[in-house]
Amino acid sequence: MGDAAEGLIDADARLQERMEELEESRKAARDRRPRVDPEKARALESLRLAKTELQRQFEATAHPARRDQIAQAVAEIDRRLASMN
């Protein structure tokens, strides 16, 4: 019975070592990924969504003055996106 218990203890130790190795490899993989500023990512996504909405409005609008306003707004968003990248 003693040999069986030693086998279980050895298997448990090997399992624990493997779990630690996996955790270390996950931690190393997280450290290699580029760090993303969440505030910048939020701002970029917000600008992209605004641009999409303005382009939809541009296509649906027939009045020349409003189309001009929308075109200027899209150009401003493009400038902001370019400055953030």
N, C-alpha and C. Protein backbone atom coordinates (compact mmCIF):
# COMPACT_ATOMS: atom_id res chain seq x y z
N MET A 1 0.82 -1.19 0.00
CA MET A 1 0.00 0.00 0.00
C MET A 1 0.86 1.25 0.00
N GLY A 2 2.05 1.18 0.56
CA GLY A 2 2.94 2.33 0.63
C GLY A 2 3.40 2.77 -0.74
N ASP A 3 3.65 1.81 -1.64
CA ASP A 3 4.10 2.16 -2.98
C ASP A 3 3.02 2.92 -3.75
N ALA A 4 1.77 2.55 -3.59
CA ALA A 4 0.67 3.22 -4.27
C ALA A 4 0.55 4.66 -3.79
N ALA A 5 0.70 4.87 -2.52
CA ALA A 5 0.61 6.22 -1.96
C ALA A 5 1.76 7.09 -2.47
N GLU A 6 2.96 6.51 -2.56
CA GLU A 6 4.09 7.28 -3.09
C GLU A 6 3.85 7.65 -4.54
N GLY A 7 3.24 6.75 -5.29
CA GLY A 7 2.93 7.03 -6.69
C GLY A 7 1.94 8.18 -6.81
N LEU A 8 0.95 8.21 -5.94
CA LEU A 8 -0.02 9.30 -5.96
C LEU A 8 0.64 10.63 -5.58
N ILE A 9 1.51 10.59 -4.60
CA ILE A 9 2.21 11.80 -4.18
C ILE A 9 3.09 12.31 -5.31
N ASP A 10 3.80 11.38 -5.99
CA ASP A 10 4.65 11.78 -7.11
C ASP A 10 3.81 12.37 -8.25
N ALA A 11 2.67 11.76 -8.54
CA ALA A 11 1.80 12.27 -9.60
C ALA A 11 1.27 13.64 -9.23
N ASP A 12 0.91 13.81 -7.97
CA ASP A 12 0.43 15.11 -7.51
C ASP A 12 1.52 16.16 -7.62
N ALA A 13 2.75 15.81 -7.27
CA ALA A 13 3.86 16.76 -7.36
C ALA A 13 4.13 17.14 -8.82
N ARG A 14 4.10 16.15 -9.71
CA ARG A 14 4.30 16.44 -11.14
C ARG A 14 3.19 17.33 -11.68
N LEU A 15 1.96 17.07 -11.25
CA LEU A 15 0.83 17.88 -11.68
C LEU A 15 0.99 19.31 -11.19
N GLN A 16 1.39 19.48 -9.94
CA GLN A 16 1.60 20.81 -9.39
C GLN A 16 2.71 21.56 -10.14
N GLU A 17 3.80 20.85 -10.45
CA GLU A 17 4.90 21.47 -11.21
C GLU A 17 4.41 21.91 -12.59
N ARG A 18 3.61 21.08 -13.23
CA ARG A 18 3.11 21.41 -14.56
C ARG A 18 2.18 22.62 -14.50
N MET A 19 1.35 22.69 -13.46
CA MET A 19 0.45 23.85 -13.30
C MET A 19 1.28 25.13 -13.11
N GLU A 20 2.35 25.05 -12.35
CA GLU A 20 3.21 26.22 -12.15
C GLU A 20 3.89 26.64 -13.44
N GLU A 21 4.34 25.65 -14.24
CA GLU A 21 4.96 25.95 -15.53
C GLU A 21 3.96 26.65 -16.46
N LEU A 22 2.73 26.15 -16.49
CA LEU A 22 1.71 26.77 -17.34
C LEU A 22 1.41 28.20 -16.89
N GLU A 23 1.34 28.42 -15.59
CA GLU A 23 1.09 29.77 -15.08
C GLU A 23 2.23 30.71 -15.46
N GLU A 24 3.46 30.23 -15.35
CA GLU A 24 4.61 31.05 -15.73
C GLU A 24 4.59 31.38 -17.21
N SER A 25 4.23 30.40 -18.05
CA SER A 25 4.19 30.67 -19.50
C SER A 25 3.07 31.65 -19.83
N ARG A 26 1.94 31.56 -19.13
CA ARG A 26 0.86 32.53 -19.36
C ARG A 26 1.29 33.93 -18.95
N LYS A 27 1.97 34.01 -17.82
CA LYS A 27 2.44 35.30 -17.34
C LYS A 27 3.45 35.91 -18.32
N ALA A 28 4.34 35.08 -18.86
CA ALA A 28 5.33 35.56 -19.83
C ALA A 28 4.63 36.02 -21.11
N ALA A 29 3.60 35.30 -21.54
CA ALA A 29 2.87 35.69 -22.75
C ALA A 29 2.16 37.02 -22.55
N ARG A 30 1.61 37.25 -21.35
CA ARG A 30 0.96 38.53 -21.07
C ARG A 30 1.96 39.67 -21.10
N ASP A 31 3.16 39.41 -20.62
CA ASP A 31 4.17 40.46 -20.58
C ASP A 31 4.68 40.81 -21.97
N ARG A 32 4.64 39.88 -22.91
CA ARG A 32 5.13 40.13 -24.27
C ARG A 32 4.12 40.91 -25.10
N ARG A 33 2.83 40.82 -24.77
CA ARG A 33 1.82 41.53 -25.54
C ARG A 33 2.02 43.04 -25.40
N PRO A 34 1.75 43.77 -26.48
CA PRO A 34 1.86 45.23 -26.37
C PRO A 34 0.82 45.77 -25.40
N ARG A 35 1.23 46.73 -24.64
CA ARG A 35 0.32 47.34 -23.67
C ARG A 35 -0.60 48.31 -24.41
N VAL A 36 -1.88 48.20 -24.16
CA VAL A 36 -2.87 49.05 -24.80
C VAL A 36 -3.45 49.98 -23.74
N ASP A 37 -3.39 51.27 -24.04
CA ASP A 37 -3.97 52.25 -23.14
C ASP A 37 -5.48 52.19 -23.31
N PRO A 38 -6.22 51.79 -22.27
CA PRO A 38 -7.66 51.64 -22.43
C PRO A 38 -8.37 52.96 -22.77
N GLU A 39 -7.86 54.06 -22.27
CA GLU A 39 -8.48 55.36 -22.57
C GLU A 39 -8.30 55.71 -24.05
N LYS A 40 -7.11 55.43 -24.58
CA LYS A 40 -6.86 55.70 -25.99
C LYS A 40 -7.71 54.78 -26.88
N ALA A 41 -7.82 53.52 -26.50
CA ALA A 41 -8.63 52.58 -27.25
C ALA A 41 -10.09 53.00 -27.25
N ARG A 42 -10.58 53.48 -26.12
CA ARG A 42 -11.96 53.95 -26.02
C ARG A 42 -12.18 55.17 -26.91
N ALA A 43 -11.21 56.09 -26.89
CA ALA A 43 -11.33 57.29 -27.71
C ALA A 43 -11.31 56.95 -29.20
N LEU A 44 -10.42 56.04 -29.60
CA LEU A 44 -10.37 55.62 -31.00
C LEU A 44 -11.69 54.98 -31.44
N GLU A 45 -12.21 54.10 -30.61
CA GLU A 45 -13.46 53.44 -30.95
C GLU A 45 -14.60 54.45 -31.03
N SER A 46 -14.61 55.41 -30.13
CA SER A 46 -15.65 56.44 -30.14
C SER A 46 -15.58 57.26 -31.42
N LEU A 47 -14.38 57.63 -31.84
CA LEU A 47 -14.22 58.39 -33.08
C LEU A 47 -14.66 57.57 -34.29
N ARG A 48 -14.31 56.29 -34.30
CA ARG A 48 -14.71 55.43 -35.42
C ARG A 48 -16.24 55.32 -35.51
N LEU A 49 -16.87 55.15 -34.36
CA LEU A 49 -18.33 55.06 -34.35
C LEU A 49 -18.98 56.37 -34.80
N ALA A 50 -18.43 57.49 -34.34
CA ALA A 50 -18.97 58.79 -34.75
C ALA A 50 -18.82 58.98 -36.25
N LYS A 51 -17.68 58.58 -36.78
CA LYS A 51 -17.45 58.72 -38.22
C LYS A 51 -18.45 57.86 -39.01
N THR A 52 -18.68 56.65 -38.54
CA THR A 52 -19.64 55.77 -39.21
C THR A 52 -21.03 56.38 -39.21
N GLU A 53 -21.42 56.92 -38.07
CA GLU A 53 -22.75 57.54 -37.97
C GLU A 53 -22.85 58.77 -38.87
N LEU A 54 -21.82 59.60 -38.91
CA LEU A 54 -21.84 60.78 -39.76
C LEU A 54 -21.89 60.41 -41.24
N GLN A 55 -21.16 59.36 -41.61
CA GLN A 55 -21.20 58.92 -43.01
C GLN A 55 -22.59 58.42 -43.38
N ARG A 56 -23.26 57.75 -42.44
CA ARG A 56 -24.63 57.30 -42.69
C ARG A 56 -25.55 58.50 -42.87
N GLN A 57 -25.37 59.53 -42.02
CA GLN A 57 -26.19 60.73 -42.13
C GLN A 57 -25.91 61.46 -43.45
N PHE A 58 -24.64 61.50 -43.86
CA PHE A 58 -24.27 62.15 -45.11
C PHE A 58 -25.00 61.52 -46.29
N GLU A 59 -25.03 60.19 -46.30
CA GLU A 59 -25.70 59.48 -47.40
C GLU A 59 -27.21 59.71 -47.40
N ALA A 60 -27.78 59.94 -46.22
CA ALA A 60 -29.23 60.09 -46.12
C ALA A 60 -29.68 61.54 -46.26
N THR A 61 -28.76 62.49 -46.28
CA THR A 61 -29.11 63.91 -46.30
C THR A 61 -29.03 64.45 -47.73
N ALA A 62 -30.03 65.25 -48.07
CA ALA A 62 -30.06 65.84 -49.40
C ALA A 62 -29.72 67.33 -49.38
N HIS A 63 -29.88 67.98 -48.25
CA HIS A 63 -29.66 69.43 -48.17
C HIS A 63 -28.15 69.74 -48.26
N PRO A 64 -27.74 70.60 -49.20
CA PRO A 64 -26.31 70.87 -49.43
C PRO A 64 -25.59 71.46 -48.21
N ALA A 65 -26.25 72.34 -47.47
CA ALA A 65 -25.59 72.95 -46.31
C ALA A 65 -25.33 71.90 -45.23
N ARG A 66 -26.29 71.03 -45.01
CA ARG A 66 -26.11 69.99 -43.99
C ARG A 66 -25.04 68.99 -44.44
N ARG A 67 -25.02 68.66 -45.73
CA ARG A 67 -23.99 67.75 -46.24
C ARG A 67 -22.61 68.35 -46.05
N ASP A 68 -22.50 69.67 -46.24
CA ASP A 68 -21.23 70.36 -46.04
C ASP A 68 -20.80 70.27 -44.56
N GLN A 69 -21.75 70.50 -43.66
CA GLN A 69 -21.45 70.40 -42.22
C GLN A 69 -20.96 69.00 -41.86
N ILE A 70 -21.65 68.02 -42.38
CA ILE A 70 -21.28 66.63 -42.08
C ILE A 70 -19.90 66.32 -42.65
N ALA A 71 -19.62 66.77 -43.86
CA ALA A 71 -18.32 66.54 -44.47
C ALA A 71 -17.21 67.17 -43.64
N GLN A 72 -17.45 68.37 -43.12
CA GLN A 72 -16.46 69.03 -42.26
C GLN A 72 -16.25 68.25 -40.96
N ALA A 73 -17.33 67.73 -40.41
CA ALA A 73 -17.22 66.94 -39.18
C ALA A 73 -16.43 65.66 -39.42
N VAL A 74 -16.68 65.01 -40.54
CA VAL A 74 -15.94 63.79 -40.88
C VAL A 74 -14.45 64.12 -41.07
N ALA A 75 -14.15 65.24 -41.72
CA ALA A 75 -12.77 65.65 -41.92
C ALA A 75 -12.08 65.90 -40.56
N GLU A 76 -12.80 66.51 -39.63
CA GLU A 76 -12.25 66.75 -38.29
C GLU A 76 -11.98 65.43 -37.57
N ILE A 77 -12.88 64.49 -37.70
CA ILE A 77 -12.68 63.18 -37.08
C ILE A 77 -11.46 62.49 -37.70
N ASP A 78 -11.33 62.59 -39.03
CA ASP A 78 -10.17 62.01 -39.68
C ASP A 78 -8.87 62.64 -39.17
N ARG A 79 -8.87 63.96 -38.95
CA ARG A 79 -7.67 64.63 -38.41
C ARG A 79 -7.36 64.11 -37.00
N ARG A 80 -8.38 63.96 -36.19
CA ARG A 80 -8.17 63.47 -34.82
C ARG A 80 -7.65 62.04 -34.82
N LEU A 81 -8.23 61.20 -35.69
CA LEU A 81 -7.76 59.81 -35.79
C LEU A 81 -6.30 59.78 -36.23
N ALA A 82 -5.95 60.61 -37.19
CA ALA A 82 -4.57 60.64 -37.68
C ALA A 82 -3.61 61.10 -36.58
N SER A 83 -4.03 62.06 -35.78
CA SER A 83 -3.15 62.55 -34.72
C SER A 83 -2.98 61.54 -33.59
N MET A 84 -3.96 60.65 -33.41
CA MET A 84 -3.88 59.65 -32.35
C MET A 84 -3.01 58.46 -32.74
N ASN A 85 -2.86 58.24 -34.02
CA ASN A 85 -2.07 57.07 -34.48
C ASN A 85 -0.65 57.40 -34.65
